[in-house]
Structures are given as C-alpha cells and as structure tokens.
Amino acid sequence: LFKHCVGAVDGIAIEIQAPRSDDPAADRNQKRFFSWSELKYCFNMQAVCNAMTCKHVGSTNDVIAFQRSSLKTICKSLPLPYHWVVDAVYINSRGMVTPFDGTKLAV
C-alpha cells in the first residue's frame, strides 16, 4: 500500500470567530461551529504539510472541496500503481486509496 504512495490528503475545519454577514449558515460546519474548510496535502511520509487550500466555507465537505481543487487533476493523472491515501469520505478511485470497509474509528 505505501510502496507507491505519493502522499495523503485530508480536510480540517478551521474555526473562525464570526460568520460572514452575507450568509452565516454557509460558514457553520456539521459540528455546529463557524469555520472554513481547509484541505492539506502531504507529499512525503514524514507528514509534512506541503500544500493547502482554504477557500471553502465551513459547510463544504472534504469531497466537494477536493473536487474543486487543482489536486483532483493531479490525482487522476497519476500513472499506475502510484496513489494518494485518503480517508473514508472519499471514493476509492484511480489515484486514490481509501480505507477498507469496516475500518471506521469509533468516536
């Protein structure tokens, strides 16, 4: 799995103090606090964040933020067997490897 892994992608909610005045509901995430959605891309196995995008409101889930990012094109163009490791919210597809079914962590 990790032999041909080029990196990892994950999203995180960055809490903000107050919503935008024009559409406060869009800034509220599923955990019920105001935030911006940030995607981080790590291109090495030391988990150093090499790139990020923070241009989506808090109500945007990781998959939609990824679909709107330039990394989508990079992932789809990776030659086999190279891939990114992503979490279970993504779809297992060319260039992306998700966890196996049943590996959700209990909260």
PDB file of N, CA and C in Angstrom:
ATOM      1  N   LEU A   1       0.818  -1.204   0.000  1.00  0.00           N
ATOM      2  CA  LEU A   1       0.000   0.000   0.000  1.00  0.00           C
ATOM      3  C   LEU A   1       0.860   1.264   0.000  1.00  0.00           C
ATOM      4  N   PHE A   2       1.883   1.323   0.867  1.00  0.00           N
ATOM      5  CA  PHE A   2       2.672   2.539   0.978  1.00  0.00           C
ATOM      6  C   PHE A   2       3.852   2.590   0.026  1.00  0.00           C
ATOM      7  N   LYS A   3       4.170   1.479  -0.616  1.00  0.00           N
ATOM      8  CA  LYS A   3       5.313   1.442  -1.531  1.00  0.00           C
ATOM      9  C   LYS A   3       5.160   2.463  -2.658  1.00  0.00           C
ATOM     10  N   HIS A   4       3.949   2.621  -3.182  1.00  0.00           N
ATOM     11  CA  HIS A   4       3.709   3.533  -4.299  1.00  0.00           C
ATOM     12  C   HIS A   4       2.882   4.755  -3.902  1.00  0.00           C
ATOM     13  N   CYS A   5       2.810   5.010  -2.608  1.00  0.00           N
ATOM     14  CA  CYS A   5       2.041   6.150  -2.098  1.00  0.00           C
ATOM     15  C   CYS A   5       2.847   7.438  -2.307  1.00  0.00           C
ATOM     16  N   VAL A   6       2.234   8.434  -2.929  1.00  0.00           N
ATOM     17  CA  VAL A   6       2.918   9.707  -3.147  1.00  0.00           C
ATOM     18  C   VAL A   6       2.557  10.753  -2.091  1.00  0.00           C
ATOM     19  N   GLY A   7       1.567  10.459  -1.245  1.00  0.00           N
ATOM     20  CA  GLY A   7       1.189  11.395  -0.206  1.00  0.00           C
ATOM     21  C   GLY A   7      -0.199  11.136   0.337  1.00  0.00           C
ATOM     22  N   ALA A   8      -0.686  12.085   1.130  1.00  0.00           N
ATOM     23  CA  ALA A   8      -2.003  11.960   1.756  1.00  0.00           C
ATOM     24  C   ALA A   8      -2.766  13.272   1.612  1.00  0.00           C
ATOM     25  N   VAL A   9      -4.084  13.159   1.594  1.00  0.00           N
ATOM     26  CA  VAL A   9      -4.965  14.322   1.521  1.00  0.00           C
ATOM     27  C   VAL A   9      -5.964  14.217   2.665  1.00  0.00           C
ATOM     28  N   ASP A  10      -6.186  15.319   3.376  1.00  0.00           N
ATOM     29  CA  ASP A  10      -7.192  15.309   4.427  1.00  0.00           C
ATOM     30  C   ASP A  10      -7.721  16.724   4.621  1.00  0.00           C
ATOM     31  N   GLY A  11      -8.921  16.810   5.107  1.00  0.00           N
ATOM     32  CA  GLY A  11      -9.553  18.099   5.360  1.00  0.00           C
ATOM     33  C   GLY A  11      -9.665  18.367   6.844  1.00  0.00           C
ATOM     34  N   ILE A  12      -9.746  19.634   7.190  1.00  0.00           N
ATOM     35  CA  ILE A  12      -9.890  20.039   8.585  1.00  0.00           C
ATOM     36  C   ILE A  12     -10.736  21.316   8.627  1.00  0.00           C
ATOM     37  N   ALA A  13     -11.511  21.473   9.681  1.00  0.00           N
ATOM     38  CA  ALA A  13     -12.316  22.683   9.865  1.00  0.00           C
ATOM     39  C   ALA A  13     -11.498  23.678  10.682  1.00  0.00           C
ATOM     40  N   ILE A  14     -11.251  24.844  10.111  1.00  0.00           N
ATOM     41  CA  ILE A  14     -10.524  25.910  10.802  1.00  0.00           C
ATOM     42  C   ILE A  14     -11.558  26.859  11.405  1.00  0.00           C
ATOM     43  N   GLU A  15     -11.624  26.873  12.727  1.00  0.00           N
ATOM     44  CA  GLU A  15     -12.645  27.673  13.408  1.00  0.00           C
ATOM     45  C   GLU A  15     -12.412  29.165  13.179  1.00  0.00           C
ATOM     46  N   ILE A  16     -13.516  29.883  12.934  1.00  0.00           N
ATOM     47  CA  ILE A  16     -13.466  31.336  12.793  1.00  0.00           C
ATOM     48  C   ILE A  16     -14.305  31.967  13.896  1.00  0.00           C
ATOM     49  N   GLN A  17     -14.014  33.203  14.238  1.00  0.00           N
ATOM     50  CA  GLN A  17     -14.691  33.874  15.349  1.00  0.00           C
ATOM     51  C   GLN A  17     -16.141  34.223  15.046  1.00  0.00           C
ATOM     52  N   ALA A  18     -16.402  34.649  13.822  1.00  0.00           N
ATOM     53  CA  ALA A  18     -17.762  35.076  13.471  1.00  0.00           C
ATOM     54  C   ALA A  18     -18.032  34.737  12.013  1.00  0.00           C
ATOM     55  N   PRO A  19     -19.274  34.475  11.699  1.00  0.00           N
ATOM     56  CA  PRO A  19     -19.611  34.177  10.303  1.00  0.00           C
ATOM     57  C   PRO A  19     -19.578  35.432   9.448  1.00  0.00           C
ATOM     58  N   ARG A  20     -19.542  35.208   8.149  1.00  0.00           N
ATOM     59  CA  ARG A  20     -19.687  36.343   7.230  1.00  0.00           C
ATOM     60  C   ARG A  20     -21.098  36.887   7.389  1.00  0.00           C
ATOM     61  N   SER A  21     -21.273  38.147   7.209  1.00  0.00           N
ATOM     62  CA  SER A  21     -22.593  38.738   7.406  1.00  0.00           C
ATOM     63  C   SER A  21     -23.573  38.395   6.287  1.00  0.00           C
ATOM     64  N   ASP A  22     -23.076  38.074   5.085  1.00  0.00           N
ATOM     65  CA  ASP A  22     -23.986  37.834   3.967  1.00  0.00           C
ATOM     66  C   ASP A  22     -24.633  36.448   3.979  1.00  0.00           C
ATOM     67  N   ASP A  23     -23.985  35.441   4.571  1.00  0.00           N
ATOM     68  CA  ASP A  23     -24.565  34.087   4.607  1.00  0.00           C
ATOM     69  C   ASP A  23     -23.979  33.284   5.772  1.00  0.00           C
ATOM     70  N   PRO A  24     -24.387  33.579   7.005  1.00  0.00           N
ATOM     71  CA  PRO A  24     -23.796  32.905   8.162  1.00  0.00           C
ATOM     72  C   PRO A  24     -24.011  31.393   8.177  1.00  0.00           C
ATOM     73  N   ALA A  25     -25.109  30.905   7.626  1.00  0.00           N
ATOM     74  CA  ALA A  25     -25.365  29.452   7.640  1.00  0.00           C
ATOM     75  C   ALA A  25     -24.323  28.691   6.831  1.00  0.00           C
ATOM     76  N   ALA A  26     -23.797  29.292   5.788  1.00  0.00           N
ATOM     77  CA  ALA A  26     -22.795  28.619   4.962  1.00  0.00           C
ATOM     78  C   ALA A  26     -21.487  28.405   5.717  1.00  0.00           C
ATOM     79  N   ASP A  27     -21.197  29.242   6.696  1.00  0.00           N
ATOM     80  CA  ASP A  27     -19.954  29.118   7.458  1.00  0.00           C
ATOM     81  C   ASP A  27     -20.053  28.114   8.613  1.00  0.00           C
ATOM     82  N   ARG A  28     -21.244  27.597   8.899  1.00  0.00           N
ATOM     83  CA  ARG A  28     -21.404  26.649  10.001  1.00  0.00           C
ATOM     84  C   ARG A  28     -21.167  25.234   9.467  1.00  0.00           C
ATOM     85  N   ASN A  29     -20.284  24.490  10.126  1.00  0.00           N
ATOM     86  CA  ASN A  29     -19.982  23.128   9.672  1.00  0.00           C
ATOM     87  C   ASN A  29     -20.882  22.106  10.359  1.00  0.00           C
ATOM     88  N   GLN A  30     -20.687  20.825  10.038  1.00  0.00           N
ATOM     89  CA  GLN A  30     -21.544  19.768  10.594  1.00  0.00           C
ATOM     90  C   GLN A  30     -21.361  19.596  12.099  1.00  0.00           C
ATOM     91  N   LYS A  31     -20.275  20.129  12.647  1.00  0.00           N
ATOM     92  CA  LYS A  31     -20.066  20.057  14.099  1.00  0.00           C
ATOM     93  C   LYS A  31     -20.660  21.268  14.811  1.00  0.00           C
ATOM     94  N   ARG A  32     -21.355  22.119  14.048  1.00  0.00           N
ATOM     95  CA  ARG A  32     -22.144  23.242  14.553  1.00  0.00           C
ATOM     96  C   ARG A  32     -21.322  24.452  14.995  1.00  0.00           C
ATOM     97  N   PHE A  33     -20.059  24.593  14.554  1.00  0.00           N
ATOM     98  CA  PHE A  33     -19.338  25.833  14.822  1.00  0.00           C
ATOM     99  C   PHE A  33     -18.953  26.482  13.491  1.00  0.00           C
ATOM    100  N   PHE A  34     -18.668  27.784  13.545  1.00  0.00           N
ATOM    101  CA  PHE A  34     -18.328  28.519  12.331  1.00  0.00           C
ATOM    102  C   PHE A  34     -16.891  28.206  11.933  1.00  0.00           C
ATOM    103  N   SER A  35     -16.690  27.935  10.632  1.00  0.00           N
ATOM    104  CA  SER A  35     -15.349  27.565  10.192  1.00  0.00           C
ATOM    105  C   SER A  35     -15.168  27.770   8.696  1.00  0.00           C
ATOM    106  N   TRP A  36     -13.927  27.620   8.277  1.00  0.00           N
ATOM    107  CA  TRP A  36     -13.551  27.494   6.874  1.00  0.00           C
ATOM    108  C   TRP A  36     -13.053  26.078   6.685  1.00  0.00           C
ATOM    109  N   SER A  37     -13.274  25.511   5.530  1.00  0.00           N
ATOM    110  CA  SER A  37     -12.829  24.154   5.217  1.00  0.00           C
ATOM    111  C   SER A  37     -11.461  24.217   4.546  1.00  0.00           C
ATOM    112  N   GLU A  38     -10.493  23.538   5.137  1.00  0.00           N
ATOM    113  CA  GLU A  38      -9.128  23.543   4.609  1.00  0.00           C
ATOM    114  C   GLU A  38      -8.733  22.129   4.210  1.00  0.00           C
ATOM    115  N   LEU A  39      -8.130  21.975   3.049  1.00  0.00           N
ATOM    116  CA  LEU A  39      -7.558  20.700   2.623  1.00  0.00           C
ATOM    117  C   LEU A  39      -6.053  20.799   2.723  1.00  0.00           C
ATOM    118  N   LYS A  40      -5.427  19.774   3.290  1.00  0.00           N
ATOM    119  CA  LYS A  40      -3.968  19.728   3.381  1.00  0.00           C
ATOM    120  C   LYS A  40      -3.463  18.560   2.557  1.00  0.00           C
ATOM    121  N   TYR A  41      -2.367  18.787   1.879  1.00  0.00           N
ATOM    122  CA  TYR A  41      -1.744  17.767   1.049  1.00  0.00           C
ATOM    123  C   TYR A  41      -0.339  17.516   1.574  1.00  0.00           C
ATOM    124  N   CYS A  42      -0.043  16.305   1.917  1.00  0.00           N
ATOM    125  CA  CYS A  42       1.296  15.928   2.362  1.00  0.00           C
ATOM    126  C   CYS A  42       1.919  15.070   1.268  1.00  0.00           C
ATOM    127  N   PHE A  43       3.095  15.469   0.811  1.00  0.00           N
ATOM    128  CA  PHE A  43       3.739  14.778  -0.293  1.00  0.00           C
ATOM    129  C   PHE A  43       4.899  13.900   0.143  1.00  0.00           C
ATOM    130  N   ASN A  44       4.983  13.584   1.418  1.00  0.00           N
ATOM    131  CA  ASN A  44       6.059  12.704   1.867  1.00  0.00           C
ATOM    132  C   ASN A  44       5.603  11.929   3.092  1.00  0.00           C
ATOM    133  N   MET A  45       6.335  10.919   3.436  1.00  0.00           N
ATOM    134  CA  MET A  45       5.921  10.047   4.537  1.00  0.00           C
ATOM    135  C   MET A  45       6.264  10.627   5.917  1.00  0.00           C
ATOM    136  N   GLN A  46       6.875  11.818   5.976  1.00  0.00           N
ATOM    137  CA  GLN A  46       7.128  12.474   7.260  1.00  0.00           C
ATOM    138  C   GLN A  46       5.934  13.322   7.696  1.00  0.00           C
ATOM    139  N   ALA A  47       4.857  13.309   6.898  1.00  0.00           N
ATOM    140  CA  ALA A  47       3.612  14.025   7.189  1.00  0.00           C
ATOM    141  C   ALA A  47       3.804  15.532   7.293  1.00  0.00           C
ATOM    142  N   VAL A  48       4.769  16.061   6.561  1.00  0.00           N
ATOM    143  CA  VAL A  48       4.964  17.497   6.495  1.00  0.00           C
ATOM    144  C   VAL A  48       3.951  18.049   5.495  1.00  0.00           C
ATOM    145  N   CYS A  49       3.200  19.065   5.910  1.00  0.00           N
ATOM    146  CA  CYS A  49       2.201  19.657   5.014  1.00  0.00           C
ATOM    147  C   CYS A  49       2.924  20.484   3.960  1.00  0.00           C
ATOM    148  N   ASN A  50       2.795  20.074   2.707  1.00  0.00           N
ATOM    149  CA  ASN A  50       3.475  20.762   1.621  1.00  0.00           C
ATOM    150  C   ASN A  50       2.591  21.750   0.882  1.00  0.00           C
ATOM    151  N   ALA A  51       1.288  21.564   0.943  1.00  0.00           N
ATOM    152  CA  ALA A  51       0.374  22.467   0.246  1.00  0.00           C
ATOM    153  C   ALA A  51      -0.974  22.429   0.942  1.00  0.00           C
ATOM    154  N   MET A  52      -1.739  23.491   0.744  1.00  0.00           N
ATOM    155  CA  MET A  52      -3.072  23.530   1.328  1.00  0.00           C
ATOM    156  C   MET A  52      -3.940  24.494   0.543  1.00  0.00           C
ATOM    157  N   THR A  53      -5.221  24.340   0.702  1.00  0.00           N
ATOM    158  CA  THR A  53      -6.179  25.286   0.149  1.00  0.00           C
ATOM    159  C   THR A  53      -7.213  25.568   1.227  1.00  0.00           C
ATOM    160  N   CYS A  54      -7.539  26.817   1.389  1.00  0.00           N
ATOM    161  CA  CYS A  54      -8.514  27.211   2.407  1.00  0.00           C
ATOM    162  C   CYS A  54      -9.461  28.227   1.782  1.00  0.00           C
ATOM    163  N   LYS A  55     -10.202  27.783   0.765  1.00  0.00           N
ATOM    164  CA  LYS A  55     -11.073  28.710   0.049  1.00  0.00           C
ATOM    165  C   LYS A  55     -12.544  28.322   0.096  1.00  0.00           C
ATOM    166  N   HIS A  56     -12.897  27.385   0.969  1.00  0.00           N
ATOM    167  CA  HIS A  56     -14.283  26.936   1.043  1.00  0.00           C
ATOM    168  C   HIS A  56     -14.886  27.228   2.406  1.00  0.00           C
ATOM    169  N   VAL A  57     -16.183  27.533   2.410  1.00  0.00           N
ATOM    170  CA  VAL A  57     -16.881  27.816   3.666  1.00  0.00           C
ATOM    171  C   VAL A  57     -17.031  26.536   4.490  1.00  0.00           C
ATOM    172  N   GLY A  58     -17.319  26.685   5.753  1.00  0.00           N
ATOM    173  CA  GLY A  58     -17.380  25.561   6.682  1.00  0.00           C
ATOM    174  C   GLY A  58     -18.383  24.476   6.336  1.00  0.00           C
ATOM    175  N   SER A  59     -19.444  24.827   5.630  1.00  0.00           N
ATOM    176  CA  SER A  59     -20.439  23.813   5.279  1.00  0.00           C
ATOM    177  C   SER A  59     -20.008  22.942   4.094  1.00  0.00           C
ATOM    178  N   THR A  60     -18.864  23.238   3.491  1.00  0.00           N
ATOM    179  CA  THR A  60     -18.355  22.452   2.362  1.00  0.00           C
ATOM    180  C   THR A  60     -17.653  21.211   2.889  1.00  0.00           C
ATOM    181  N   ASN A  61     -18.086  20.021   2.433  1.00  0.00           N
ATOM    182  CA  ASN A  61     -17.407  18.810   2.902  1.00  0.00           C
ATOM    183  C   ASN A  61     -16.101  18.594   2.135  1.00  0.00           C
ATOM    184  N   ASP A  62     -15.264  17.686   2.632  1.00  0.00           N
ATOM    185  CA  ASP A  62     -13.941  17.448   2.056  1.00  0.00           C
ATOM    186  C   ASP A  62     -13.995  17.039   0.587  1.00  0.00           C
ATOM    187  N   VAL A  63     -14.957  16.214   0.229  1.00  0.00           N
ATOM    188  CA  VAL A  63     -15.034  15.710  -1.144  1.00  0.00           C
ATOM    189  C   VAL A  63     -15.330  16.842  -2.128  1.00  0.00           C
ATOM    190  N   ILE A  64     -16.261  17.714  -1.783  1.00  0.00           N
ATOM    191  CA  ILE A  64     -16.579  18.842  -2.675  1.00  0.00           C
ATOM    192  C   ILE A  64     -15.388  19.794  -2.773  1.00  0.00           C
ATOM    193  N   ALA A  65     -14.733  20.073  -1.658  1.00  0.00           N
ATOM    194  CA  ALA A  65     -13.546  20.931  -1.679  1.00  0.00           C
ATOM    195  C   ALA A  65     -12.461  20.308  -2.564  1.00  0.00           C
ATOM    196  N   PHE A  66     -12.282  19.000  -2.462  1.00  0.00           N
ATOM    197  CA  PHE A  66     -11.298  18.309  -3.294  1.00  0.00           C
ATOM    198  C   PHE A  66     -11.684  18.382  -4.770  1.00  0.00           C
ATOM    199  N   GLN A  67     -12.960  18.157  -5.083  1.00  0.00           N
ATOM    200  CA  GLN A  67     -13.423  18.197  -6.472  1.00  0.00           C
ATOM    201  C   GLN A  67     -13.179  19.559  -7.112  1.00  0.00           C
ATOM    202  N   ARG A  68     -13.188  20.601  -6.300  1.00  0.00           N
ATOM    203  CA  ARG A  68     -12.987  21.966  -6.805  1.00  0.00           C
ATOM    204  C   ARG A  68     -11.520  22.396  -6.773  1.00  0.00           C
ATOM    205  N   SER A  69     -10.637  21.531  -6.286  1.00  0.00           N
ATOM    206  CA  SER A  69      -9.221  21.891  -6.180  1.00  0.00           C
ATOM    207  C   SER A  69      -8.430  21.393  -7.388  1.00  0.00           C
ATOM    208  N   SER A  70      -7.251  21.939  -7.566  1.00  0.00           N
ATOM    209  CA  SER A  70      -6.387  21.520  -8.675  1.00  0.00           C
ATOM    210  C   SER A  70      -5.791  20.140  -8.425  1.00  0.00           C
ATOM    211  N   LEU A  71      -5.809  19.675  -7.180  1.00  0.00           N
ATOM    212  CA  LEU A  71      -5.243  18.362  -6.887  1.00  0.00           C
ATOM    213  C   LEU A  71      -6.046  17.240  -7.529  1.00  0.00           C
ATOM    214  N   LYS A  72      -7.318  17.455  -7.790  1.00  0.00           N
ATOM    215  CA  LYS A  72      -8.146  16.430  -8.440  1.00  0.00           C
ATOM    216  C   LYS A  72      -7.521  16.001  -9.768  1.00  0.00           C
ATOM    217  N   THR A  73      -7.091  16.963 -10.563  1.00  0.00           N
ATOM    218  CA  THR A  73      -6.474  16.663 -11.852  1.00  0.00           C
ATOM    219  C   THR A  73      -5.173  15.895 -11.669  1.00  0.00           C
ATOM    220  N   ILE A  74      -4.394  16.280 -10.680  1.00  0.00           N
ATOM    221  CA  ILE A  74      -3.123  15.594 -10.423  1.00  0.00           C
ATOM    222  C   ILE A  74      -3.374  14.142 -10.024  1.00  0.00           C
ATOM    223  N   CYS A  75      -4.348  13.909  -9.142  1.00  0.00           N
ATOM    224  CA  CYS A  75      -4.662  12.544  -8.697  1.00  0.00           C
ATOM    225  C   CYS A  75      -5.092  11.660  -9.856  1.00  0.00           C
ATOM    226  N   LYS A  76      -5.942  12.189 -10.702  1.00  0.00           N
ATOM    227  CA  LYS A  76      -6.466  11.392 -11.808  1.00  0.00           C
ATOM    228  C   LYS A  76      -5.410  11.101 -12.870  1.00  0.00           C
ATOM    229  N   SER A  77      -4.337  11.891 -12.906  1.00  0.00           N
ATOM    230  CA  SER A  77      -3.317  11.689 -13.931  1.00  0.00           C
ATOM    231  C   SER A  77      -2.116  10.883 -13.439  1.00  0.00           C
ATOM    232  N   LEU A  78      -2.138  10.426 -12.185  1.00  0.00           N
ATOM    233  CA  LEU A  78      -1.023   9.620 -11.680  1.00  0.00           C
ATOM    234  C   LEU A  78      -0.926   8.304 -12.444  1.00  0.00           C
ATOM    235  N   PRO A  79       0.268   7.916 -12.859  1.00  0.00           N
ATOM    236  CA  PRO A  79       0.390   6.615 -13.522  1.00  0.00           C
ATOM    237  C   PRO A  79       0.245   5.492 -12.491  1.00  0.00           C
ATOM    238  N   LEU A  80      -0.373   4.406 -12.900  1.00  0.00           N
ATOM    239  CA  LEU A  80      -0.482   3.247 -12.011  1.00  0.00           C
ATOM    240  C   LEU A  80       0.905   2.691 -11.757  1.00  0.00           C
ATOM    241  N   PRO A  81       1.229   2.251 -10.574  1.00  0.00           N
ATOM    242  CA  PRO A  81       0.405   1.996  -9.397  1.00  0.00           C
ATOM    243  C   PRO A  81       0.451   3.125  -8.357  1.00  0.00           C
ATOM    244  N   TYR A  82       0.911   4.318  -8.710  1.00  0.00           N
ATOM    245  CA  TYR A  82       1.041   5.411  -7.745  1.00  0.00           C
ATOM    246  C   TYR A  82      -0.323   5.946  -7.320  1.00  0.00           C
ATOM    247  N   HIS A  83      -0.406   6.383  -6.050  1.00  0.00           N
ATOM    248  CA  HIS A  83      -1.698   6.804  -5.496  1.00  0.00           C
ATOM    249  C   HIS A  83      -1.512   7.699  -4.278  1.00  0.00           C
ATOM    250  N   TRP A  84      -2.604   8.366  -3.897  1.00  0.00           N
ATOM    251  CA  TRP A  84      -2.710   9.133  -2.669  1.00  0.00           C
ATOM    252  C   TRP A  84      -3.495   8.296  -1.670  1.00  0.00           C
ATOM    253  N   VAL A  85      -3.218   8.451  -0.392  1.00  0.00           N
ATOM    254  CA  VAL A  85      -4.019   7.827   0.662  1.00  0.00           C
ATOM    255  C   VAL A  85      -4.973   8.901   1.171  1.00  0.00           C
ATOM    256  N   VAL A  86      -6.255   8.552   1.238  1.00  0.00           N
ATOM    257  CA  VAL A  86      -7.295   9.485   1.681  1.00  0.00           C
ATOM    258  C   VAL A  86      -8.185   8.793   2.711  1.00  0.00           C
ATOM    259  N   ASP A  87      -9.004   9.553   3.425  1.00  0.00           N
ATOM    260  CA  ASP A  87      -9.857   8.914   4.424  1.00  0.00           C
ATOM    261  C   ASP A  87     -11.159   8.409   3.802  1.00  0.00           C
ATOM    262  N   ALA A  88     -12.007   7.844   4.628  1.00  0.00           N
ATOM    263  CA  ALA A  88     -13.188   7.115   4.154  1.00  0.00           C
ATOM    264  C   ALA A  88     -14.276   7.980   3.527  1.00  0.00           C
ATOM    265  N   VAL A  89     -14.192   9.308   3.608  1.00  0.00           N
ATOM    266  CA  VAL A  89     -15.222  10.127   2.964  1.00  0.00           C
ATOM    267  C   VAL A  89     -15.036  10.199   1.450  1.00  0.00           C
ATOM    268  N   TYR A  90     -13.844   9.863   0.986  1.00  0.00           N
ATOM    269  CA  TYR A  90     -13.560   9.876  -0.447  1.00  0.00           C
ATOM    270  C   TYR A  90     -13.948   8.541  -1.082  1.00  0.00           C
ATOM    271  N   ILE A  91     -14.032   8.534  -2.403  1.00  0.00           N
ATOM    272  CA  ILE A  91     -14.357   7.314  -3.140  1.00  0.00           C
ATOM    273  C   ILE A  91     -13.063   6.666  -3.609  1.00  0.00           C
ATOM    274  N   ASN A  92     -12.949   5.370  -3.392  1.00  0.00           N
ATOM    275  CA  ASN A  92     -11.783   4.628  -3.864  1.00  0.00           C
ATOM    276  C   ASN A  92     -11.791   4.665  -5.391  1.00  0.00           C
ATOM    277  N   SER A  93     -10.812   5.334  -5.983  1.00  0.00           N
ATOM    278  CA  SER A  93     -10.781   5.505  -7.433  1.00  0.00           C
ATOM    279  C   SER A  93      -9.344   5.617  -7.908  1.00  0.00           C
ATOM    280  N   ARG A  94      -9.159   5.758  -9.203  1.00  0.00           N
ATOM    281  CA  ARG A  94      -7.808   5.866  -9.751  1.00  0.00           C
ATOM    282  C   ARG A  94      -7.055   7.008  -9.073  1.00  0.00           C
ATOM    283  N   GLY A  95      -5.899   6.688  -8.547  1.00  0.00           N
ATOM    284  CA  GLY A  95      -5.065   7.678  -7.892  1.00  0.00           C
ATOM    285  C   GLY A  95      -5.381   7.911  -6.431  1.00  0.00           C
ATOM    286  N   MET A  96      -6.446   7.267  -5.899  1.00  0.00           N
ATOM    287  CA  MET A  96      -6.836   7.474  -4.501  1.00  0.00           C
ATOM    288  C   MET A  96      -7.174   6.130  -3.853  1.00  0.00           C
ATOM    289  N   VAL A  97      -6.578   5.874  -2.699  1.00  0.00           N
ATOM    290  CA  VAL A  97      -6.860   4.642  -1.961  1.00  0.00           C
ATOM    291  C   VAL A  97      -7.488   5.018  -0.626  1.00  0.00           C
ATOM    292  N   THR A  98      -8.680   4.464  -0.371  1.00  0.00           N
ATOM    293  CA  THR A  98      -9.403   4.725   0.876  1.00  0.00           C
ATOM    294  C   THR A  98      -9.282   3.510   1.798  1.00  0.00           C
ATOM    295  N   PRO A  99      -9.621   3.665   3.085  1.00  0.00           N
ATOM    296  CA  PRO A  99      -9.601   2.514   3.991  1.00  0.00           C
ATOM    297  C   PRO A  99     -10.589   1.435   3.559  1.00  0.00           C
ATOM    298  N   PHE A 100     -10.332   0.229   3.978  1.00  0.00           N
ATOM    299  CA  PHE A 100     -11.241  -0.876   3.693  1.00  0.00           C
ATOM    300  C   PHE A 100     -12.536  -0.702   4.465  1.00  0.00           C
ATOM    301  N   ASP A 101     -13.624  -1.291   3.980  1.00  0.00           N
ATOM    302  CA  ASP A 101     -14.894  -1.245   4.696  1.00  0.00           C
ATOM    303  C   ASP A 101     -14.739  -1.758   6.111  1.00  0.00           C
ATOM    304  N   GLY A 102     -15.429  -1.142   7.033  1.00  0.00           N
ATOM    305  CA  GLY A 102     -15.400  -1.598   8.415  1.00  0.00           C
ATOM    306  C   GLY A 102     -14.256  -1.049   9.231  1.00  0.00           C
ATOM    307  N   THR A 103     -13.476  -0.114   8.688  1.00  0.00           N
ATOM    308  CA  THR A 103     -12.348   0.403   9.433  1.00  0.00           C
ATOM    309  C   THR A 103     -12.622   1.765  10.057  1.00  0.00           C
ATOM    310  N   LYS A 104     -13.888   2.174  10.111  1.00  0.00           N
ATOM    311  CA  LYS A 104     -14.248   3.434  10.746  1.00  0.00           C
ATOM    312  C   LYS A 104     -13.866   3.395  12.224  1.00  0.00           C
ATOM    313  N   LEU A 105     -13.303   4.483  12.692  1.00  0.00           N
ATOM    314  CA  LEU A 105     -12.941   4.558  14.096  1.00  0.00           C
ATOM    315  C   LEU A 105     -14.144   4.973  14.936  1.00  0.00           C
ATOM    316  N   ALA A 106     -14.313   4.344  16.082  1.00  0.00           N
ATOM    317  CA  ALA A 106     -15.407   4.715  16.989  1.00  0.00           C
ATOM    318  C   ALA A 106     -15.057   6.033  17.665  1.00  0.00           C
ATOM    319  N   VAL A 107     -16.040   6.901  17.773  1.00  0.00           N
ATOM    320  CA  VAL A 107     -15.801   8.207  18.412  1.00  0.00           C
ATOM    321  C   VAL A 107     -16.305   8.177  19.829  1.00  0.00           C
TER     322      VAL A 107
END
